[in-house]
Protein backbone atom coordinates (compact mmCIF):
# COMPACT_ATOMS: atom_id res chain seq x y z
CA MET A 1 18.29 105.28 5.90
CA LEU A 2 14.88 106.72 6.73
CA LEU A 3 11.47 105.02 6.61
CA ASN A 4 8.66 107.55 6.42
CA ILE A 5 5.13 106.21 7.02
CA VAL A 6 2.48 108.43 5.44
CA ASP A 7 -1.28 108.33 6.02
CA ALA A 8 -2.85 108.12 2.56
CA SER A 9 -6.18 109.36 3.93
CA ASN A 10 -4.59 112.59 5.17
CA LEU A 11 -1.87 113.24 2.62
CA GLU A 12 -1.59 117.00 2.72
CA ARG A 13 -0.88 117.07 6.45
CA ASN A 14 1.51 114.09 6.38
CA LEU A 15 3.57 115.17 3.38
CA TYR A 16 4.93 118.23 5.17
CA PHE A 17 7.04 115.99 7.39
CA THR A 18 7.99 113.94 4.32
CA VAL A 19 9.31 117.07 2.62
CA GLN A 20 11.40 117.92 5.67
CA LEU A 21 12.87 114.42 5.75
CA LEU A 22 13.68 114.39 2.04
CA GLU A 23 15.48 117.73 2.34
CA MET A 24 17.91 116.04 4.73
CA GLY A 25 19.41 114.31 1.69
CA LEU A 26 19.41 110.82 3.23
CA PRO A 27 18.30 107.51 1.63
CA THR A 28 14.55 107.33 2.21
CA VAL A 29 11.64 104.96 1.57
CA VAL A 30 8.06 106.23 1.85
CA ALA A 31 5.37 103.78 3.03
CA LEU A 32 1.98 105.01 1.80
CA ASN A 33 -0.19 103.43 4.50
CA MET A 34 -3.98 103.26 4.98
CA VAL A 35 -4.78 103.27 1.27
CA ASP A 36 -7.92 101.30 2.19
CA VAL A 37 -9.16 104.18 4.34
CA ALA A 38 -8.46 106.61 1.50
CA ALA A 39 -10.45 104.34 -0.83
CA SER A 40 -13.40 104.34 1.60
CA GLN A 41 -13.33 108.14 1.28
CA GLY A 42 -13.56 107.79 -2.50
CA ARG A 43 -9.89 108.68 -3.07
CA LYS A 44 -7.18 106.93 -5.04
CA VAL A 45 -3.52 107.93 -4.75
CA LYS A 46 -1.29 107.51 -7.81
CA HIS A 47 1.70 106.20 -5.91
CA GLU A 48 3.84 105.84 -9.07
CA THR A 49 3.45 109.56 -9.77
CA LEU A 50 4.17 110.32 -6.12
CA GLU A 51 7.33 108.21 -6.36
CA ASN A 52 8.51 110.15 -9.42
CA ARG A 53 7.84 113.53 -7.84
CA LEU A 54 9.54 112.69 -4.55
CA GLY A 55 12.43 110.87 -6.17
CA VAL A 56 12.37 108.02 -3.64
CA PRO A 57 10.68 104.58 -3.51
CA VAL A 58 6.99 104.70 -2.48
CA VAL A 59 5.17 101.54 -1.35
CA SER A 60 1.36 101.35 -1.04
CA MET A 61 0.32 99.53 2.14
CA VAL A 62 -2.45 98.47 4.48
CA ALA A 63 -0.20 97.74 7.47
CA ARG A 64 -2.99 96.46 9.71
CA LYS A 65 -3.66 93.62 7.25
CA GLY A 66 -0.04 93.05 6.21
CA ILE A 67 -0.72 94.21 2.63
CA GLY A 68 2.43 95.63 1.01
CA GLN A 69 4.69 94.42 3.80
CA ASP A 70 6.82 92.16 1.57
CA ASP A 71 7.24 94.91 -1.02
CA LEU A 72 8.35 97.35 1.68
CA ILE A 73 10.95 94.91 3.04
CA ARG A 74 12.25 94.34 -0.48
CA ARG A 75 12.61 98.08 -1.10
CA LEU A 76 14.40 98.57 2.20
CA LYS A 77 16.85 95.76 1.43
CA GLN A 78 17.69 97.39 -1.90
CA TYR A 79 18.93 100.40 0.11
CA PRO A 80 17.77 103.38 -1.96
CA SER A 81 20.20 106.01 -3.16
CA THR A 82 20.58 109.36 -1.44
CA SER A 83 17.61 111.65 -1.95
CA SER A 84 18.18 114.55 -4.35
CA PHE A 85 14.82 116.12 -3.54
CA ARG A 86 14.75 119.91 -3.72
CA ILE A 87 12.16 122.68 -3.49
CA GLU A 88 13.00 126.11 -4.85
CA TYR A 89 12.30 128.80 -2.26
CA PRO A 90 11.94 132.58 -2.76
CA ALA A 91 15.13 134.42 -3.75
CA GLU A 92 15.68 135.88 -0.26
CA VAL A 93 15.68 132.41 1.29
CA GLU A 94 17.78 130.77 -1.43
CA SER A 95 20.42 133.49 -1.16
CA ALA A 96 20.67 133.02 2.60
CA VAL A 97 20.83 129.23 2.21
CA GLU A 98 23.73 129.51 -0.27
CA ARG A 99 25.69 131.72 2.14
CA LEU A 100 25.03 129.41 5.09
CA VAL A 101 26.06 126.33 3.09
CA ALA A 102 29.27 128.09 2.06
CA ILE A 103 30.05 128.94 5.70
CA LEU A 104 29.53 125.32 6.79
CA GLU A 105 31.63 123.97 3.91
CA ARG A 106 34.53 126.29 4.74
CA ALA A 107 34.31 125.28 8.40
CA GLY A 108 34.67 121.62 7.41
CA THR A 109 32.02 120.56 9.92
CA VAL A 110 30.49 117.13 9.39
CA PHE A 111 26.71 116.80 9.64
CA THR A 112 24.71 113.70 8.67
CA PRO A 113 21.88 115.72 7.08
CA SER A 114 22.70 117.94 4.12
CA PHE A 115 24.07 121.44 4.67
CA ARG A 116 21.02 122.74 2.78
CA TRP A 117 18.67 121.14 5.31
CA ILE A 118 20.76 122.48 8.22
CA SER A 119 20.56 125.95 6.67
CA LEU A 120 16.79 125.82 6.19
CA MET A 121 16.24 124.65 9.76
CA TRP A 122 18.62 127.37 10.96
CA ILE A 123 16.55 130.03 9.23
CA GLU A 124 13.40 128.55 10.79
CA ARG A 125 15.11 128.78 14.20
CA ASN A 126 14.80 125.08 14.96
CA GLU A 127 16.12 124.68 18.53
CA THR A 128 17.56 121.19 17.99
CA VAL A 129 19.54 122.32 14.96
CA GLU A 130 20.71 125.45 16.76
CA GLN A 131 22.06 123.34 19.63
CA ALA A 132 23.75 120.90 17.23
CA VAL A 133 25.44 123.73 15.34
CA TYR A 134 26.49 125.44 18.57
CA SER A 135 28.14 122.24 19.84
CA ARG A 136 30.00 121.43 16.59
CA VAL A 137 31.27 124.69 15.11
CA ASP A 138 33.69 127.34 16.30
CA PRO A 139 32.16 130.44 17.92
CA SER A 140 33.27 132.54 14.94
CA VAL A 141 31.37 130.26 12.53
CA TYR A 142 28.30 130.35 14.77
CA GLU A 143 28.44 134.15 14.81
CA GLN A 144 28.69 134.29 10.99
CA MET A 145 25.59 132.10 10.70
CA GLN A 146 23.73 134.34 13.12
CA GLN A 147 24.65 137.38 11.06
CA VAL A 148 23.22 135.79 7.92
CA ARG A 149 19.96 135.01 9.69
CA ASP A 150 19.74 138.45 11.29
CA GLN A 151 19.89 140.05 7.83
CA LEU A 152 16.70 138.24 6.80
CA THR A 153 13.25 139.67 7.30
CA GLU A 154 11.11 138.18 10.06
CA LYS A 155 8.90 136.47 7.48
CA ALA A 156 11.73 134.25 6.12
CA GLY A 157 10.68 131.26 8.22
CA HIS A 158 7.08 131.81 7.19
CA LEU A 159 8.13 131.90 3.53
CA ILE A 160 9.78 128.49 3.86
CA ARG A 161 6.67 126.95 5.40
CA HIS A 162 4.35 128.63 2.91
CA THR A 163 6.43 127.41 -0.04
CA ARG A 164 6.38 123.85 1.25
CA TYR A 165 2.62 123.87 1.73
CA SER A 166 2.09 125.36 -1.72
CA TRP A 167 4.26 122.64 -3.27
CA ILE A 168 2.38 119.94 -1.34
CA GLU A 169 -0.99 121.35 -2.40
CA SER A 170 0.08 121.27 -6.03
CA LEU A 171 1.38 117.71 -5.61
CA THR A 172 -1.81 116.38 -4.01
CA GLN A 173 -3.92 117.88 -6.79
CA GLU A 174 -1.81 115.90 -9.24
CA ILE A 175 -1.69 112.53 -7.45
CA VAL A 176 -5.07 112.26 -5.68
CA ILE A 177 -8.05 111.17 -7.76
CA GLN A 178 -11.49 111.69 -6.23
CA GLU A 179 -13.28 108.71 -7.78
CA LYS A 180 -16.54 109.24 -5.92
CA MET A 181 -17.98 111.72 -3.47
CA VAL A 182 -18.64 110.44 0.04
CA ASN A 183 -20.91 112.91 1.78
CA GLN A 184 -20.78 111.30 5.21
CA THR A 185 -18.68 108.38 6.38
CA TRP A 186 -19.60 105.89 9.08
CA SER A 187 -17.15 107.65 11.41
CA ASP A 188 -18.91 110.96 10.78
CA ARG A 189 -22.27 109.47 11.74
CA VAL A 190 -20.88 107.97 14.96
CA ASP A 191 -19.19 111.26 15.84
CA ARG A 192 -22.52 113.06 15.70
CA THR A 193 -23.36 111.25 18.95
CA LEU A 194 -19.99 110.65 20.63
CA MET A 195 -18.75 114.19 19.92
CA HIS A 196 -22.08 115.85 20.73
CA ARG A 197 -21.75 119.24 22.36
CA TYR A 198 -23.74 118.23 25.44
CA LEU A 199 -23.66 114.42 25.39
CA GLY A 200 -19.95 113.97 24.56
CA ILE A 201 -18.49 114.34 28.06
CA PRO A 202 -21.24 112.30 29.83
CA ILE A 203 -20.68 109.50 27.28
CA PHE A 204 -16.92 109.68 27.93
CA LEU A 205 -17.47 109.46 31.70
CA PHE A 206 -19.82 106.50 31.22
CA MET A 207 -17.18 104.74 29.09
CA MET A 208 -14.61 105.26 31.84
CA PHE A 209 -17.08 103.93 34.41
CA LEU A 210 -17.49 100.75 32.34
CA VAL A 211 -13.70 100.40 32.13
CA PHE A 212 -13.39 100.56 35.92
CA GLN A 213 -16.28 98.14 36.39
CA LEU A 214 -14.56 95.69 34.03
CA THR A 215 -11.27 96.12 35.87
CA PHE A 216 -12.36 96.06 39.49
CA SER A 217 -15.77 94.37 39.61
CA TRP A 218 -16.40 92.03 36.70
CA VAL A 219 -13.13 90.40 35.64
CA GLY A 220 -10.03 91.87 37.28
CA THR A 221 -10.83 90.99 40.88
CA TYR A 222 -11.51 87.34 40.05
CA LEU A 223 -8.17 86.98 38.23
CA SER A 224 -6.30 88.72 41.05
CA ASP A 225 -7.89 86.38 43.59
CA GLN A 226 -6.72 83.36 41.60
CA LEU A 227 -3.17 84.70 41.41
CA ASP A 228 -3.35 85.51 45.12
CA ASN A 229 -4.15 81.85 45.83
CA VAL A 230 -1.06 80.82 43.86
CA PHE A 231 1.24 83.13 45.86
CA SER A 232 -0.23 82.26 49.26
CA GLY A 233 -0.34 78.54 48.47
CA PRO A 234 2.11 76.77 46.12
CA VAL A 235 4.64 79.62 45.87
CA ALA A 236 4.82 80.29 49.62
CA ASP A 237 4.84 76.60 50.53
CA GLY A 238 7.46 75.83 47.91
CA LEU A 239 9.72 78.66 49.06
CA GLN A 240 9.44 77.58 52.70
CA SER A 241 10.25 73.97 51.79
CA LEU A 242 13.24 75.05 49.72
CA LEU A 243 14.63 77.23 52.51
CA ALA A 244 14.11 74.43 55.05
CA SER A 245 15.93 71.92 52.85
CA LEU A 246 18.86 74.34 52.57
CA ASN A 247 18.94 74.79 56.37
CA SER A 248 18.66 78.56 55.94
CA PRO A 249 18.97 80.70 59.09
CA ASP A 250 15.65 81.65 60.64
CA TRP A 251 16.14 85.36 59.99
CA PHE A 252 16.86 84.74 56.30
CA SER A 253 13.79 82.50 55.93
CA ARG A 254 11.60 85.16 57.51
CA LEU A 255 13.14 87.82 55.27
CA MET A 256 12.41 85.78 52.15
CA VAL A 257 8.85 84.75 53.12
CA ASP A 258 7.57 87.50 55.41
CA GLY A 259 9.53 90.26 53.72
CA ILE A 260 10.24 89.76 50.02
CA LEU A 261 7.47 87.31 49.08
CA THR A 262 4.86 89.18 51.08
CA GLY A 263 5.95 92.61 49.85
CA VAL A 264 6.51 91.83 46.17
CA GLY A 265 3.71 89.26 46.04
CA GLY A 266 1.26 91.74 47.53
CA VAL A 267 1.86 93.98 44.52
CA LEU A 268 2.13 91.27 41.85
CA VAL A 269 -1.29 89.81 42.67
CA LEU A 270 -2.75 93.08 41.38
CA VAL A 271 -1.13 92.74 37.94
CA PRO A 272 -4.29 91.21 36.35
CA GLN A 273 -6.31 94.30 37.26
CA ILE A 274 -3.60 96.64 36.01
CA ALA A 275 -3.34 94.66 32.75
CA ILE A 276 -7.11 94.67 32.18
CA LEU A 277 -7.25 98.43 32.72
CA PHE A 278 -4.45 98.98 30.20
CA LEU A 279 -6.10 96.54 27.77
CA ALA A 280 -9.40 98.42 27.95
CA LEU A 281 -7.70 101.80 27.48
CA SER A 282 -5.63 100.43 24.57
CA PHE A 283 -8.87 99.21 22.96
CA LEU A 284 -10.37 102.70 23.20
CA GLU A 285 -7.14 104.22 21.90
CA ASP A 286 -6.74 101.88 18.92
CA SER A 287 -10.42 102.20 18.01
CA GLY A 288 -9.95 105.95 17.53
CA TYR A 289 -12.14 106.99 20.45
CA MET A 290 -9.41 108.41 22.71
CA SER A 291 -8.54 111.02 20.08
CA ARG A 292 -12.16 112.16 20.29
CA ALA A 293 -11.93 112.20 24.08
CA ALA A 294 -8.92 114.50 23.75
CA ILE A 295 -11.00 116.94 21.70
CA LEU A 296 -13.81 116.78 24.27
CA LEU A 297 -11.35 117.56 27.06
CA ASP A 298 -9.88 120.35 24.94
CA ARG A 299 -13.31 121.97 24.97
CA LEU A 300 -13.36 121.61 28.76
CA MET A 301 -9.89 123.18 29.00
CA ARG A 302 -11.10 126.22 27.10
CA ALA A 303 -14.29 126.41 29.16
CA ILE A 304 -12.32 126.73 32.43
CA GLY A 305 -9.80 129.16 30.96
CA LEU A 306 -6.81 126.83 30.59
CA ASN A 307 -4.39 126.73 27.69
CA ARG A 308 -5.91 124.40 25.09
CA LYS A 309 -2.79 122.23 25.06
CA SER A 310 -2.96 121.62 28.81
CA PHE A 311 -5.05 118.49 28.33
CA ILE A 312 -2.06 116.65 26.79
CA PRO A 313 0.00 116.41 30.01
CA LEU A 314 -3.16 115.87 32.06
CA ILE A 315 -4.18 112.87 29.94
CA LEU A 316 -0.64 111.45 30.26
CA GLY A 317 -0.97 111.82 34.03
CA PHE A 318 -3.41 108.90 34.11
CA GLY A 319 -0.51 106.67 33.09
CA CYS A 320 2.34 108.27 35.02
CA ASN A 321 2.83 111.75 36.45
CA VAL A 322 6.51 111.91 35.37
CA PRO A 323 5.91 112.05 31.57
CA ALA A 324 2.87 114.22 32.29
CA ILE A 325 5.08 116.93 33.77
CA MET A 326 7.62 116.45 30.97
CA ALA A 327 4.79 117.04 28.47
CA THR A 328 4.19 120.55 29.82
CA ARG A 329 6.94 121.53 27.38
CA VAL A 330 4.25 121.67 24.66
CA LEU A 331 2.95 124.84 26.32
CA GLU A 332 4.64 127.96 24.99
CA ASP A 333 3.55 130.08 27.95
CA GLU A 334 5.80 129.67 31.02
CA ARG A 335 3.05 130.47 33.50
CA GLY A 336 0.74 127.98 31.84
CA ARG A 337 3.49 125.33 32.06
CA ILE A 338 3.91 125.87 35.80
CA VAL A 339 0.19 125.75 36.56
CA THR A 340 -0.30 122.62 34.45
CA ALA A 341 2.70 120.99 36.17
CA LEU A 342 1.06 121.68 39.54
CA MET A 343 -2.21 120.16 38.28
CA ALA A 344 -0.71 116.98 36.77
CA PRO A 345 0.07 115.10 40.05
CA PHE A 346 -3.64 115.10 40.93
CA MET A 347 -4.39 112.91 37.91
CA SER A 348 -4.54 109.39 39.32
CA CYS A 349 -1.54 107.49 37.93
CA SER A 350 -1.43 103.73 37.42
CA ALA A 351 0.86 103.28 40.45
CA ARG A 352 -2.01 104.24 42.77
CA LEU A 353 -4.17 101.47 41.31
CA SER A 354 -2.48 98.85 43.49
CA VAL A 355 -3.67 100.69 46.62
CA TYR A 356 -7.17 101.17 45.19
CA SER A 357 -7.41 97.49 44.26
CA LEU A 358 -6.45 96.35 47.76
CA PHE A 359 -8.85 98.62 49.66
CA VAL A 360 -11.91 98.48 47.41
CA ALA A 361 -11.76 94.67 47.40
CA ALA A 362 -11.58 94.61 51.19
CA PHE A 363 -14.12 97.31 52.06
CA PHE A 364 -16.33 98.03 49.04
CA ALA A 365 -16.68 94.69 47.27
CA LYS A 366 -20.06 95.54 45.74
CA TRP A 367 -18.99 98.98 44.55
CA GLN A 368 -15.39 98.52 43.49
CA GLY A 369 -15.70 100.07 40.03
CA ALA A 370 -17.85 102.94 41.28
CA VAL A 371 -15.42 103.84 44.09
CA VAL A 372 -12.39 103.86 41.78
CA PHE A 373 -14.34 105.90 39.23
CA LEU A 374 -15.16 108.40 41.99
CA LEU A 375 -11.47 108.65 42.87
CA TYR A 376 -10.50 109.41 39.28
CA VAL A 377 -13.24 112.04 38.93
CA THR A 378 -12.16 113.63 42.22
CA GLY A 379 -8.58 113.88 40.98
CA ILE A 380 -9.79 115.67 37.85
CA LEU A 381 -11.98 118.05 39.86
CA VAL A 382 -9.13 118.89 42.26
CA ALA A 383 -6.84 119.55 39.29
CA ILE A 384 -9.46 121.90 37.82
CA GLY A 385 -9.87 123.57 41.22
CA THR A 386 -6.11 124.08 41.33
CA ALA A 387 -6.30 125.84 37.97
CA PHE A 388 -8.97 128.20 39.32
CA ILE A 389 -6.93 128.96 42.44
CA LEU A 390 -3.83 129.71 40.37
CA LYS A 391 -5.74 131.40 37.56
CA LYS A 392 -4.07 134.76 38.14
CA TRP A 393 -0.82 133.15 36.94
CA LEU A 394 -2.43 131.93 33.73
CA SER A 395 -1.67 133.93 30.63
CA ASP A 396 -4.40 134.80 28.15
CA LYS A 397 -2.01 133.72 25.42
CA GLU A 398 -3.40 130.72 23.56
CA SER A 399 -1.62 128.92 20.75
CA PRO A 400 -3.58 127.15 18.01
CA PHE A 401 -4.19 123.46 18.53
CA LEU A 402 -4.77 121.05 15.65
CA MET A 403 -5.54 117.35 15.83
CA ALA A 404 -6.48 114.97 13.02
CA LEU A 405 -9.19 112.52 14.03
CA PRO A 406 -8.50 108.99 12.76
CA PRO A 407 -11.45 106.98 11.46
CA TYR A 408 -13.00 104.43 13.80
CA ARG A 409 -11.58 100.97 13.25
CA ALA A 410 -11.63 97.57 14.90
CA PRO A 411 -8.45 97.18 17.01
CA MET A 412 -6.12 94.31 16.12
CA LEU A 413 -5.54 91.74 18.86
CA LYS A 414 -1.77 91.72 18.33
CA SER A 415 -1.60 95.49 18.64
CA LEU A 416 -3.78 95.47 21.76
CA PHE A 417 -1.64 92.91 23.54
CA LEU A 418 1.61 94.64 22.53
CA HIS A 419 0.35 97.98 23.87
CA THR A 420 -0.90 96.33 27.06
CA TRP A 421 2.39 94.53 27.63
CA ASP A 422 4.40 97.68 26.93
CA LYS A 423 2.48 99.55 29.64
CA ALA A 424 2.24 96.69 32.14
CA LYS A 425 5.92 95.78 32.02
CA GLY A 426 6.77 99.09 33.69
CA PHE A 427 4.62 98.01 36.63
CA LEU A 428 6.39 94.63 36.71
CA ARG A 429 9.79 96.31 36.48
CA LYS A 430 8.99 98.37 39.58
CA ALA A 431 7.90 95.23 41.43
CA GLY A 432 11.24 93.61 40.59
CA THR A 433 13.39 96.60 41.54
CA ILE A 434 11.90 99.32 43.75
CA ILE A 435 9.34 97.14 45.53
CA PHE A 436 11.90 94.36 46.05
CA SER A 437 14.38 96.80 47.59
CA MET A 438 11.70 98.48 49.70
CA SER A 439 10.48 95.09 50.97
CA VAL A 440 13.98 94.21 52.20
CA ILE A 441 14.44 97.60 53.87
CA VAL A 442 10.98 97.59 55.45
CA TRP A 443 11.48 94.06 56.80
CA PHE A 444 14.78 94.95 58.49
CA LEU A 445 13.33 98.19 59.90
CA GLY A 446 10.33 96.24 61.14
CA ASN A 447 12.37 93.56 62.93
CA TYR A 448 15.25 95.52 64.46
CA SER A 449 15.87 98.50 66.71
CA TRP A 450 18.88 99.94 68.54
CA HIS A 451 18.57 96.91 70.84
CA GLY A 452 18.87 94.32 68.06
CA ALA A 453 16.11 91.94 66.97
CA VAL A 454 12.76 92.97 68.47
CA SER A 455 9.05 92.58 67.82
CA MET A 456 7.67 94.81 65.09
CA GLU A 457 5.78 96.98 67.61
CA ASN A 458 9.14 98.02 69.14
CA SER A 459 11.11 98.37 65.90
CA PHE A 460 12.50 101.32 63.97
CA LEU A 461 9.48 100.99 61.70
CA ALA A 462 6.98 101.45 64.51
CA ALA A 463 8.93 104.42 65.88
CA VAL A 464 8.95 106.28 62.56
CA GLY A 465 5.35 105.35 61.72
CA GLY A 466 4.22 106.29 65.22
CA PHE A 467 5.84 109.72 64.84
CA ILE A 468 3.82 110.37 61.67
CA ALA A 469 0.56 108.72 62.78
CA PRO A 470 -0.88 111.64 64.88
CA LEU A 471 -1.31 113.64 61.66
CA PHE A 472 -4.05 111.23 60.64
CA VAL A 473 -6.03 111.03 63.88
CA PRO A 474 -8.89 113.19 62.47
CA MET A 475 -9.22 110.82 59.47
CA GLY A 476 -9.42 107.63 61.54
CA PHE A 477 -6.25 105.86 60.35
CA ALA A 478 -3.68 106.99 62.93
CA THR A 479 -1.73 103.72 63.08
CA TRP A 480 2.03 103.47 62.76
CA GLN A 481 1.54 100.93 59.94
CA ALA A 482 -0.51 103.38 57.87
CA GLY A 483 1.87 106.23 58.65
CA PHE A 484 4.96 104.35 57.50
CA ALA A 485 3.17 102.98 54.42
CA LEU A 486 2.34 106.53 53.31
CA LEU A 487 5.97 107.51 53.92
CA THR A 488 7.25 104.74 51.63
CA GLY A 489 4.59 105.79 49.14
CA PHE A 490 6.61 108.97 48.63
CA LEU A 491 9.29 106.81 46.99
CA ALA A 492 6.80 104.80 44.91
CA LYS A 493 3.04 104.59 45.37
CA GLU A 494 3.09 100.81 44.84
CA ALA A 495 5.25 100.53 47.97
CA VAL A 496 2.19 101.36 50.10
CA VAL A 497 0.78 97.87 49.46
CA SER A 498 4.05 96.00 49.97
CA THR A 499 4.73 97.93 53.19
CA MET A 500 1.28 97.12 54.55
CA SER A 501 1.70 93.46 53.65
CA ILE A 502 4.82 93.36 55.83
CA THR A 503 3.77 95.65 58.69
CA TYR A 504 0.43 93.96 59.22
CA GLY A 505 2.25 90.62 59.38
CA THR A 506 0.16 88.64 56.90
CA GLY A 507 3.22 86.49 56.11
CA GLN A 508 2.89 84.06 53.26
CA ALA A 509 -0.93 84.31 53.34
CA VAL A 510 -1.13 87.27 50.99
CA ASP A 511 -4.90 86.94 50.76
CA MET A 512 -5.20 87.69 54.49
CA LEU A 513 -4.13 91.33 54.11
CA GLY A 514 -7.63 92.50 53.21
CA SER A 515 -9.07 90.73 56.24
CA VAL A 516 -6.42 92.20 58.54
CA LEU A 517 -7.07 95.70 57.16
CA LYS A 518 -10.73 95.36 58.19
CA THR A 519 -9.59 95.13 61.81
CA ALA A 520 -7.34 98.20 61.49
CA PHE A 521 -9.62 100.46 59.40
CA THR A 522 -13.29 101.28 59.51
CA PRO A 523 -14.95 101.63 56.08
CA GLN A 524 -15.05 105.40 56.64
CA ALA A 525 -11.32 105.51 57.46
CA ALA A 526 -10.54 103.26 54.49
CA LEU A 527 -12.37 105.63 52.14
CA ALA A 528 -10.53 108.62 53.64
CA PHE A 529 -7.23 106.74 53.22
CA LEU A 530 -7.98 106.15 49.52
CA PHE A 531 -8.66 109.83 48.91
CA PHE A 532 -5.49 110.75 50.78
CA VAL A 533 -3.42 108.37 48.61
CA LEU A 534 -5.06 109.87 45.52
CA LEU A 535 -4.06 113.44 46.36
CA TYR A 536 -1.06 113.50 48.68
CA THR A 537 2.55 114.35 47.81
CA PRO A 538 3.58 112.83 44.45
CA CYS A 539 6.32 110.21 44.29
CA LEU A 540 10.01 111.12 44.37
CA SER A 541 10.46 110.71 40.59
CA THR A 542 7.64 113.18 39.97
CA VAL A 543 9.14 115.67 42.42
CA VAL A 544 12.53 115.47 40.69
CA MET A 545 10.87 116.01 37.29
CA MET A 546 8.90 118.94 38.72
CA LYS A 547 12.16 120.62 39.74
CA GLN A 548 13.72 119.90 36.36
CA GLU A 549 10.81 121.28 34.32
CA THR A 550 9.95 124.32 36.45
CA GLY A 551 13.60 125.08 37.21
CA SER A 552 12.60 126.16 40.70
CA TRP A 553 12.69 124.54 44.13
CA ARG A 554 10.11 127.12 45.18
CA TRP A 555 7.45 125.72 42.82
CA THR A 556 8.50 122.17 43.68
CA ALA A 557 8.16 122.80 47.41
CA LEU A 558 4.80 124.47 46.79
CA SER A 559 3.61 121.36 44.94
CA ILE A 560 4.68 119.08 47.82
CA ILE A 561 3.10 121.22 50.55
CA TYR A 562 -0.02 122.09 48.56
CA SER A 563 -0.79 118.51 47.53
CA PHE A 564 -0.31 117.24 51.10
CA ALA A 565 -2.57 119.97 52.47
CA VAL A 566 -5.26 119.29 49.84
CA ALA A 567 -5.08 115.55 50.55
CA TRP A 568 -5.39 116.13 54.30
CA VAL A 569 -8.40 118.45 53.95
CA VAL A 570 -10.22 116.27 51.39
CA ALA A 571 -9.59 113.08 53.40
CA LEU A 572 -10.92 114.83 56.51
CA MET A 573 -14.06 115.91 54.62
CA VAL A 574 -14.57 112.42 53.19
CA TYR A 575 -14.20 110.85 56.64
CA GLY A 576 -16.67 113.31 58.15
CA ILE A 577 -19.26 112.84 55.40
CA ALA A 578 -18.85 109.06 55.33
CA SER A 579 -19.21 108.88 59.13
CA ARG A 580 -22.53 110.72 58.92
CA VAL A 581 -23.89 108.82 55.93
CA TYR A 582 -22.53 105.30 56.47
C-alpha cells in the first residue's frame, strides 16, 4: 500500500508524482497536506472531487497541527482497494503499451507494479525500470521490448509527460477554487529582503555567523565545559574506583582511563556544540530559509560558471562529504560531476567541528564563532578556486533547475529535536565505534615498541608521528603528536581529538587538553593547524566514495594529492600572515 503526501498549496507540481504512483496499480491513499497554507493563498481544494477523479481515498490534513491525522489512520486501516486509475495517451503510445504488456504477460514475469506502468516507464527510459526488467526477464524478452521502443518516435516519452501535465491542469481547474485574490503574501514581502539581488548573500553569511557564535561562543562552549567536568570528575573517578575494586591489571586500568575514556571522552564533550549547530541549522531549514539560501547559492554557481545543480552536493558537504560526493549524480554532465566531486571535500563537514571546538576554545576564546566562520568561508572560497582551476573540464551544458520555495513558517519543537537527534546520532555512533577502536589502537601504539612496554616518547606512535612531523616544520606544529593525529584523521576527522587526548597524556583530566595544547602550539601554529585540518586529505570513507562515483583511481589520487598540497600551502600562508600580524 502506498501513502502519497501532496502539498495542497502546490497541487499542479505535486500531482505529477501522484499520477505516476496511481498508474502502478497499487492500493493508495492520498494525504492532501497543508490545506491551511492553500487557504492563506485564497485557495480551496475540493477534496471530494479529487477523490472521485483519482479513484482513491483523499484525506485533507494540516500535519503540523495534527489535523486530519485520525482520519488518515482510519483510511489506512481500511486498506483501500487496488487503484484502477488510467490516463489515455496518444494512439502511438497506447499501441506500444499494449504490445509491451502482451510481451510481459507471455513471459510470465511477476512485477509488483502493473504491466502498464512498467511499459510506460520503459518507453520513458526510466533507468530503474530498465535494470529491473533486465534482471527478471530472458534476454529474448528484453530484446523484444527494445524493438518495440525503437519503433517509436523520439517524442514518445515527451508525449507521455505532456499528456500527464495536460490531465493535471484540467483536474486542478476543476478542483481548485480561488475564493479570494492574494496579491502578496507575508512570505513574498520577507523574500523581497532576504532574496535581494545584492543583499541576499551578505544576509546569508551574517545568519551563518550568528549560528557559529551561538554554537561556539554564546551557548555551546558553556555546555561542553559542564560535560567536560562530568567526564574529568565523577566519570573518571568512578571508573578508577571500579577498576581498583576489581583488582584490574595496571595496563588494563591505564587502557580504560588514559586510552578509552580520554579518547572517547575527548570527543563526547563536544557533543553539545555539535547538537546546537545542528539545532540552529534545522531551525533555518524548517523555517523555509535554507531553500532560499539554496537559490542564492544557485545564483553564485551560475556567476562562477558552474553547473547550476552543483550547489546541491556542496551544501550536503557541510554535513558530510560522503553523501555530498554521492549527490554529484544529479549532474548530467560527466565533467561537471568530476569537478564538483573534487570541490566537495573542501566544504567543512561536521566531523571537523570537534577539532575546531577544541582549538578555538584553547587559543581564541574571545573569537570562537568568528574563527570557525572564517574556516567555513575559506573552505567555500577554496572550492570555488578549485572550480576556476579545473574550469577547462567544465562543460557549457546546463540542465534546467527548478525548486519550489515553501512559505515561511514557525518550526515545530518536536520536528526540530527529531532532526537534531537524527543528525547528532551519527556523531555519537562514530564515537562509540571508530573513535573507541582508534583510542584502543592509539593507546597500544603509544605505550609499546619492539622492546615491549616503553614511555610514549619511545613508542611506535612517536616513531610514526616523528617520521611525518618534518612536513609541518614551516607551519610551526612539527611535533610527533600532531603528525600522528593528522594521520589518524585520515580514517575519521574526529579521531584527531581523541588521538591528541591520548598522546598529550591528559589522562582522566579531559579539560587539561586545551591547557597542554597551549604549551605545544603557539596561537599562530594553532591557526595554521586548523586551516590544515579544514583542507587536507578527506577521510577514508570520502576517498572510497570518490573512487566509486568517478570510477577512476586517477581522479581519486588527484583529489588526495591536490587537497594535501592546498592544505599545506594555505596553512603555510596563514602561519606566515599570523606571525606578522599577531
